[in-house]
Amino acid sequence: MTDKSDEELMKLIKEKKSSALEEIYDRYIKLIYGFTFKFMNGNEESTKEVVQLVFLRLWTTKSGYDSEKGSFVNWILTINRNICIDYIRKERIHREKQINMMNPSLRNPPRCQMRLQPACFRMSCLLQKAGSVPPSIG
């Protein structure tokens, strides 16, 4: 398989030839891992998950690589970048849900937040909770 081009290997991957995916993996694992590691700010666990998702995407994608549109390296790094972005978004949403579950008061903002300008509401809400400001001011 080492004599085949990336484009030929991707055609074989579409035919579900696992040896072609293994060859692509061997050729690009260092690049994909390094790119992902930097994108994930050195988080090794997230890096491993994203790398796995990248190669899974190559195996499952319906669309394939088209050499007329650009180089294979750029194509696979674009897939890599998009998966990194999706992963970070999902992690952020998951983290926000966990915070909301741990602190139910964040689910429903205080009434003062709705009435005051954003710069003022934090101080007013804090003072209200502390009991320093009568509720009619907030």
N, C-alpha and C. Protein backbone atom coordinates (compact mmCIF):
# COMPACT_ATOMS: atom_id res chain seq x y z
N MET A 1 0.81 -1.21 0.00
CA MET A 1 0.00 0.00 0.00
C MET A 1 0.85 1.27 0.00
N THR A 2 2.10 1.17 0.42
CA THR A 2 2.93 2.37 0.55
C THR A 2 3.21 3.03 -0.79
N ASP A 3 2.99 2.31 -1.89
CA ASP A 3 3.24 2.88 -3.20
C ASP A 3 2.04 3.64 -3.75
N LYS A 4 0.92 3.60 -3.06
CA LYS A 4 -0.30 4.27 -3.53
C LYS A 4 -0.33 5.72 -3.07
N SER A 5 -0.96 6.57 -3.89
CA SER A 5 -1.11 7.99 -3.54
C SER A 5 -2.21 8.12 -2.49
N ASP A 6 -2.28 9.28 -1.88
CA ASP A 6 -3.32 9.55 -0.89
C ASP A 6 -4.70 9.45 -1.53
N GLU A 7 -4.81 9.94 -2.75
CA GLU A 7 -6.10 9.90 -3.45
C GLU A 7 -6.53 8.45 -3.70
N GLU A 8 -5.60 7.61 -4.10
CA GLU A 8 -5.91 6.20 -4.32
C GLU A 8 -6.31 5.53 -3.01
N LEU A 9 -5.61 5.86 -1.95
CA LEU A 9 -5.94 5.30 -0.64
C LEU A 9 -7.34 5.72 -0.20
N MET A 10 -7.70 6.96 -0.44
CA MET A 10 -9.04 7.42 -0.05
C MET A 10 -10.13 6.70 -0.84
N LYS A 11 -9.86 6.40 -2.09
CA LYS A 11 -10.82 5.61 -2.88
C LYS A 11 -10.98 4.21 -2.27
N LEU A 12 -9.88 3.63 -1.84
CA LEU A 12 -9.94 2.32 -1.20
C LEU A 12 -10.65 2.39 0.15
N ILE A 13 -10.47 3.49 0.86
CA ILE A 13 -11.16 3.67 2.14
C ILE A 13 -12.67 3.73 1.91
N LYS A 14 -13.09 4.39 0.84
CA LYS A 14 -14.53 4.43 0.52
C LYS A 14 -15.07 3.04 0.24
N GLU A 15 -14.20 2.15 -0.22
CA GLU A 15 -14.58 0.75 -0.47
C GLU A 15 -14.42 -0.10 0.79
N LYS A 16 -14.11 0.56 1.90
CA LYS A 16 -13.96 -0.06 3.22
C LYS A 16 -12.78 -1.02 3.29
N LYS A 17 -11.68 -0.64 2.66
CA LYS A 17 -10.43 -1.41 2.76
C LYS A 17 -9.65 -0.86 3.96
N SER A 18 -9.65 -1.62 5.03
CA SER A 18 -9.04 -1.13 6.28
C SER A 18 -7.53 -0.92 6.14
N SER A 19 -6.89 -1.68 5.27
CA SER A 19 -5.44 -1.50 5.09
C SER A 19 -5.12 -0.12 4.53
N ALA A 20 -6.03 0.45 3.74
CA ALA A 20 -5.83 1.80 3.21
C ALA A 20 -5.91 2.83 4.34
N LEU A 21 -6.86 2.64 5.25
CA LEU A 21 -6.96 3.55 6.39
C LEU A 21 -5.72 3.43 7.28
N GLU A 22 -5.22 2.22 7.45
CA GLU A 22 -4.01 2.04 8.24
C GLU A 22 -2.83 2.79 7.62
N GLU A 23 -2.74 2.77 6.30
CA GLU A 23 -1.66 3.47 5.62
C GLU A 23 -1.79 4.98 5.78
N ILE A 24 -3.00 5.50 5.62
CA ILE A 24 -3.23 6.94 5.84
C ILE A 24 -2.89 7.30 7.28
N TYR A 25 -3.29 6.46 8.21
CA TYR A 25 -2.99 6.67 9.63
C TYR A 25 -1.48 6.76 9.84
N ASP A 26 -0.76 5.78 9.30
CA ASP A 26 0.70 5.77 9.46
C ASP A 26 1.36 7.01 8.86
N ARG A 27 0.83 7.46 7.74
CA ARG A 27 1.42 8.63 7.07
C ARG A 27 1.15 9.94 7.82
N TYR A 28 -0.02 10.06 8.44
CA TYR A 28 -0.45 11.37 8.94
C TYR A 28 -0.68 11.46 10.44
N ILE A 29 -0.45 10.39 11.18
CA ILE A 29 -0.74 10.44 12.62
C ILE A 29 0.06 11.51 13.34
N LYS A 30 1.33 11.67 13.01
CA LYS A 30 2.15 12.67 13.70
C LYS A 30 1.64 14.08 13.42
N LEU A 31 1.27 14.35 12.18
CA LEU A 31 0.74 15.67 11.81
C LEU A 31 -0.59 15.94 12.51
N ILE A 32 -1.50 14.97 12.44
CA ILE A 32 -2.83 15.13 13.05
C ILE A 32 -2.70 15.27 14.56
N TYR A 33 -1.88 14.43 15.17
CA TYR A 33 -1.72 14.49 16.63
C TYR A 33 -1.12 15.83 17.04
N GLY A 34 -0.08 16.27 16.36
CA GLY A 34 0.57 17.54 16.70
C GLY A 34 -0.35 18.73 16.54
N PHE A 35 -1.08 18.76 15.43
CA PHE A 35 -2.04 19.84 15.19
C PHE A 35 -3.10 19.87 16.28
N THR A 36 -3.64 18.70 16.58
CA THR A 36 -4.71 18.61 17.58
C THR A 36 -4.21 18.96 18.97
N PHE A 37 -3.03 18.49 19.32
CA PHE A 37 -2.45 18.78 20.63
C PHE A 37 -2.33 20.28 20.85
N LYS A 38 -1.88 20.99 19.83
CA LYS A 38 -1.77 22.46 19.94
C LYS A 38 -3.15 23.10 20.03
N PHE A 39 -4.08 22.62 19.22
CA PHE A 39 -5.43 23.17 19.21
C PHE A 39 -6.12 22.97 20.56
N MET A 40 -5.83 21.85 21.20
CA MET A 40 -6.44 21.51 22.50
C MET A 40 -5.62 22.03 23.67
N ASN A 41 -4.69 22.92 23.41
CA ASN A 41 -3.86 23.53 24.45
C ASN A 41 -3.15 22.49 25.32
N GLY A 42 -2.67 21.43 24.69
CA GLY A 42 -1.90 20.44 25.42
C GLY A 42 -2.70 19.44 26.22
N ASN A 43 -4.01 19.43 26.07
CA ASN A 43 -4.83 18.45 26.79
C ASN A 43 -4.74 17.11 26.06
N GLU A 44 -4.00 16.19 26.65
CA GLU A 44 -3.72 14.91 26.00
C GLU A 44 -4.97 14.05 25.80
N GLU A 45 -5.86 14.06 26.78
CA GLU A 45 -7.08 13.25 26.70
C GLU A 45 -7.96 13.74 25.55
N SER A 46 -8.17 15.04 25.47
CA SER A 46 -8.97 15.60 24.38
C SER A 46 -8.30 15.36 23.03
N THR A 47 -6.99 15.47 23.01
CA THR A 47 -6.24 15.23 21.77
C THR A 47 -6.48 13.82 21.26
N LYS A 48 -6.40 12.85 22.13
CA LYS A 48 -6.61 11.46 21.72
C LYS A 48 -8.02 11.24 21.19
N GLU A 49 -9.00 11.83 21.85
CA GLU A 49 -10.39 11.69 21.40
C GLU A 49 -10.58 12.30 20.02
N VAL A 50 -10.04 13.50 19.81
CA VAL A 50 -10.20 14.18 18.53
C VAL A 50 -9.47 13.43 17.42
N VAL A 51 -8.28 12.95 17.68
CA VAL A 51 -7.53 12.19 16.66
C VAL A 51 -8.34 10.97 16.23
N GLN A 52 -8.93 10.30 17.20
CA GLN A 52 -9.76 9.14 16.89
C GLN A 52 -10.95 9.57 16.01
N LEU A 53 -11.56 10.70 16.33
CA LEU A 53 -12.69 11.19 15.55
C LEU A 53 -12.29 11.54 14.11
N VAL A 54 -11.09 12.08 13.95
CA VAL A 54 -10.61 12.43 12.60
C VAL A 54 -10.52 11.19 11.73
N PHE A 55 -9.89 10.15 12.23
CA PHE A 55 -9.73 8.95 11.42
C PHE A 55 -11.05 8.20 11.26
N LEU A 56 -11.91 8.30 12.24
CA LEU A 56 -13.26 7.74 12.10
C LEU A 56 -14.02 8.47 10.99
N ARG A 57 -13.86 9.78 10.94
CA ARG A 57 -14.52 10.56 9.89
C ARG A 57 -14.03 10.15 8.51
N LEU A 58 -12.74 9.91 8.37
CA LEU A 58 -12.21 9.45 7.08
C LEU A 58 -12.86 8.13 6.68
N TRP A 59 -13.09 7.27 7.64
CA TRP A 59 -13.66 5.95 7.37
C TRP A 59 -15.15 6.04 7.04
N THR A 60 -15.86 6.96 7.65
CA THR A 60 -17.33 7.00 7.52
C THR A 60 -17.85 8.07 6.57
N THR A 61 -17.01 8.99 6.11
CA THR A 61 -17.50 10.10 5.31
C THR A 61 -18.05 9.63 3.96
N LYS A 62 -19.11 10.28 3.54
CA LYS A 62 -19.69 9.99 2.23
C LYS A 62 -18.95 10.77 1.14
N SER A 63 -18.53 11.97 1.48
CA SER A 63 -17.78 12.77 0.52
C SER A 63 -16.32 12.34 0.58
N GLY A 64 -15.65 12.49 -0.50
CA GLY A 64 -14.26 12.05 -0.53
C GLY A 64 -13.32 13.18 -0.89
N TYR A 65 -12.08 12.85 -0.90
CA TYR A 65 -11.03 13.80 -1.25
C TYR A 65 -11.02 14.00 -2.77
N ASP A 66 -10.93 15.25 -3.19
CA ASP A 66 -10.85 15.59 -4.61
C ASP A 66 -9.55 16.37 -4.83
N SER A 67 -8.63 15.75 -5.55
CA SER A 67 -7.31 16.37 -5.74
C SER A 67 -7.38 17.66 -6.55
N GLU A 68 -8.44 17.87 -7.30
CA GLU A 68 -8.60 19.10 -8.07
C GLU A 68 -8.90 20.31 -7.18
N LYS A 69 -9.38 20.05 -5.99
CA LYS A 69 -9.74 21.14 -5.07
C LYS A 69 -8.59 21.52 -4.14
N GLY A 70 -7.54 20.73 -4.10
CA GLY A 70 -6.41 21.07 -3.23
C GLY A 70 -5.66 19.83 -2.80
N SER A 71 -4.63 20.06 -2.00
CA SER A 71 -3.79 18.94 -1.56
C SER A 71 -4.48 18.13 -0.47
N PHE A 72 -4.07 16.89 -0.36
CA PHE A 72 -4.65 16.00 0.65
C PHE A 72 -4.36 16.51 2.06
N VAL A 73 -3.16 17.01 2.26
CA VAL A 73 -2.78 17.51 3.59
C VAL A 73 -3.72 18.63 4.02
N ASN A 74 -4.00 19.56 3.12
CA ASN A 74 -4.92 20.65 3.46
C ASN A 74 -6.32 20.13 3.74
N TRP A 75 -6.74 19.14 2.98
CA TRP A 75 -8.07 18.56 3.16
C TRP A 75 -8.20 17.89 4.52
N ILE A 76 -7.23 17.07 4.87
CA ILE A 76 -7.31 16.34 6.14
C ILE A 76 -7.14 17.30 7.33
N LEU A 77 -6.32 18.34 7.18
CA LEU A 77 -6.18 19.32 8.26
C LEU A 77 -7.46 20.16 8.42
N THR A 78 -8.17 20.40 7.33
CA THR A 78 -9.45 21.10 7.43
C THR A 78 -10.45 20.25 8.19
N ILE A 79 -10.50 18.96 7.88
CA ILE A 79 -11.36 18.05 8.64
C ILE A 79 -10.95 18.06 10.11
N ASN A 80 -9.67 17.99 10.36
CA ASN A 80 -9.13 18.00 11.72
C ASN A 80 -9.55 19.27 12.47
N ARG A 81 -9.37 20.41 11.83
CA ARG A 81 -9.73 21.69 12.46
C ARG A 81 -11.22 21.74 12.78
N ASN A 82 -12.06 21.33 11.83
CA ASN A 82 -13.51 21.36 12.05
C ASN A 82 -13.92 20.45 13.20
N ILE A 83 -13.30 19.29 13.29
CA ILE A 83 -13.61 18.38 14.40
C ILE A 83 -13.14 18.98 15.73
N CYS A 84 -11.98 19.62 15.74
CA CYS A 84 -11.50 20.29 16.95
C CYS A 84 -12.50 21.35 17.41
N ILE A 85 -12.96 22.17 16.49
CA ILE A 85 -13.93 23.23 16.81
C ILE A 85 -15.21 22.63 17.35
N ASP A 86 -15.73 21.60 16.69
CA ASP A 86 -16.96 20.95 17.16
C ASP A 86 -16.77 20.36 18.55
N TYR A 87 -15.62 19.75 18.78
CA TYR A 87 -15.32 19.14 20.08
C TYR A 87 -15.31 20.20 21.17
N ILE A 88 -14.64 21.31 20.92
CA ILE A 88 -14.57 22.38 21.91
C ILE A 88 -15.95 22.95 22.20
N ARG A 89 -16.76 23.13 21.16
CA ARG A 89 -18.12 23.65 21.36
C ARG A 89 -18.94 22.69 22.22
N LYS A 90 -18.87 21.40 21.91
CA LYS A 90 -19.63 20.42 22.68
C LYS A 90 -19.16 20.38 24.13
N GLU A 91 -17.86 20.46 24.34
CA GLU A 91 -17.33 20.47 25.70
C GLU A 91 -17.80 21.71 26.47
N ARG A 92 -17.83 22.86 25.81
CA ARG A 92 -18.28 24.09 26.46
C ARG A 92 -19.75 23.98 26.85
N ILE A 93 -20.58 23.46 25.95
CA ILE A 93 -22.00 23.30 26.24
C ILE A 93 -22.19 22.32 27.39
N HIS A 94 -21.45 21.23 27.36
CA HIS A 94 -21.53 20.23 28.43
C HIS A 94 -21.13 20.83 29.77
N ARG A 95 -20.06 21.61 29.76
CA ARG A 95 -19.58 22.25 30.99
C ARG A 95 -20.62 23.24 31.52
N GLU A 96 -21.25 24.01 30.62
CA GLU A 96 -22.26 24.97 31.06
C GLU A 96 -23.47 24.26 31.65
N LYS A 97 -23.86 23.13 31.08
CA LYS A 97 -24.98 22.36 31.62
C LYS A 97 -24.66 21.84 33.01
N GLN A 98 -23.42 21.38 33.19
CA GLN A 98 -23.01 20.89 34.50
C GLN A 98 -23.03 22.01 35.53
N ILE A 99 -22.57 23.19 35.15
CA ILE A 99 -22.58 24.33 36.07
C ILE A 99 -24.01 24.69 36.43
N ASN A 100 -24.90 24.69 35.45
CA ASN A 100 -26.30 25.01 35.71
C ASN A 100 -26.95 23.98 36.62
N MET A 101 -26.56 22.72 36.47
CA MET A 101 -27.12 21.68 37.34
C MET A 101 -26.61 21.84 38.76
N MET A 102 -25.36 22.26 38.91
CA MET A 102 -24.78 22.43 40.24
C MET A 102 -25.28 23.70 40.92
N ASN A 103 -25.63 24.71 40.15
CA ASN A 103 -26.06 25.99 40.70
C ASN A 103 -27.38 26.39 40.06
N PRO A 104 -28.52 25.92 40.60
CA PRO A 104 -29.82 26.19 39.99
C PRO A 104 -30.16 27.67 39.90
N SER A 105 -29.55 28.51 40.71
CA SER A 105 -29.88 29.93 40.67
C SER A 105 -29.44 30.56 39.36
N LEU A 106 -28.53 29.91 38.63
CA LEU A 106 -28.09 30.44 37.35
C LEU A 106 -29.10 30.19 36.24
N ARG A 107 -30.02 29.26 36.44
CA ARG A 107 -31.01 28.95 35.41
C ARG A 107 -31.96 30.11 35.18
N ASN A 108 -32.44 30.71 36.25
CA ASN A 108 -33.38 31.83 36.15
C ASN A 108 -32.70 33.08 36.69
N PRO A 109 -32.35 34.00 35.80
CA PRO A 109 -31.65 35.20 36.27
C PRO A 109 -32.54 36.02 37.20
N PRO A 110 -31.95 36.71 38.16
CA PRO A 110 -32.73 37.56 39.07
C PRO A 110 -33.47 38.65 38.29
N ARG A 111 -34.58 39.09 38.86
CA ARG A 111 -35.39 40.11 38.19
C ARG A 111 -34.60 41.37 37.91
N CYS A 112 -33.67 41.72 38.80
CA CYS A 112 -32.91 42.94 38.61
C CYS A 112 -32.08 42.87 37.33
N GLN A 113 -31.68 41.69 36.92
CA GLN A 113 -30.86 41.54 35.71
C GLN A 113 -31.66 41.97 34.49
N MET A 114 -32.95 41.76 34.52
CA MET A 114 -33.77 42.08 33.36
C MET A 114 -34.07 43.57 33.26
N ARG A 115 -34.04 44.28 34.38
CA ARG A 115 -34.44 45.68 34.36
C ARG A 115 -33.28 46.65 34.24
N LEU A 116 -32.09 46.30 34.69
CA LEU A 116 -30.98 47.23 34.70
C LEU A 116 -30.05 47.01 33.52
N GLN A 117 -29.25 48.01 33.23
CA GLN A 117 -28.22 47.89 32.20
C GLN A 117 -27.20 46.85 32.64
N PRO A 118 -26.56 46.15 31.70
CA PRO A 118 -25.63 45.08 32.04
C PRO A 118 -24.52 45.51 32.99
N ALA A 119 -24.02 46.72 32.87
CA ALA A 119 -22.92 47.15 33.74
C ALA A 119 -23.38 47.32 35.18
N CYS A 120 -24.65 47.63 35.38
CA CYS A 120 -25.15 47.92 36.72
C CYS A 120 -25.74 46.70 37.43
N PHE A 121 -26.26 45.75 36.66
CA PHE A 121 -27.05 44.71 37.30
C PHE A 121 -26.23 43.83 38.23
N ARG A 122 -24.98 43.58 37.92
CA ARG A 122 -24.19 42.69 38.77
C ARG A 122 -24.06 43.24 40.19
N MET A 123 -23.69 44.51 40.28
CA MET A 123 -23.51 45.12 41.59
C MET A 123 -24.84 45.18 42.34
N SER A 124 -25.89 45.57 41.64
CA SER A 124 -27.20 45.67 42.28
C SER A 124 -27.68 44.32 42.79
N CYS A 125 -27.49 43.28 41.97
CA CYS A 125 -27.91 41.94 42.38
C CYS A 125 -27.11 41.46 43.58
N LEU A 126 -25.81 41.70 43.55
CA LEU A 126 -24.98 41.29 44.67
C LEU A 126 -25.39 42.01 45.95
N LEU A 127 -25.65 43.30 45.83
CA LEU A 127 -26.06 44.06 47.01
C LEU A 127 -27.42 43.60 47.52
N GLN A 128 -28.33 43.30 46.59
CA GLN A 128 -29.65 42.79 46.99
C GLN A 128 -29.51 41.48 47.76
N LYS A 129 -28.69 40.59 47.24
CA LYS A 129 -28.52 39.30 47.90
C LYS A 129 -27.86 39.48 49.27
N ALA A 130 -26.99 40.45 49.38
CA ALA A 130 -26.32 40.72 50.66
C ALA A 130 -27.22 41.46 51.62
N GLY A 131 -28.32 42.00 51.11
CA GLY A 131 -29.26 42.72 51.95
C GLY A 131 -28.91 44.18 52.15
N SER A 132 -28.00 44.73 51.35
CA SER A 132 -27.58 46.11 51.53
C SER A 132 -28.47 47.09 50.76
N VAL A 133 -29.18 46.61 49.78
CA VAL A 133 -30.00 47.50 48.95
C VAL A 133 -31.43 46.99 49.03
N PRO A 134 -32.39 47.90 49.24
CA PRO A 134 -33.79 47.46 49.27
C PRO A 134 -34.17 46.92 47.89
N PRO A 135 -35.03 45.91 47.85
CA PRO A 135 -35.43 45.29 46.59
C PRO A 135 -36.04 46.27 45.59
N SER A 136 -36.64 47.36 46.04
CA SER A 136 -37.30 48.30 45.13
C SER A 136 -36.27 49.01 44.24
N ILE A 137 -35.01 49.14 44.66
CA ILE A 137 -34.00 49.81 43.84
C ILE A 137 -33.58 48.90 42.69
N GLY A 138 -33.43 47.59 42.94
CA GLY A 138 -33.00 46.64 41.92
C GLY A 138 -34.13 46.34 41.05
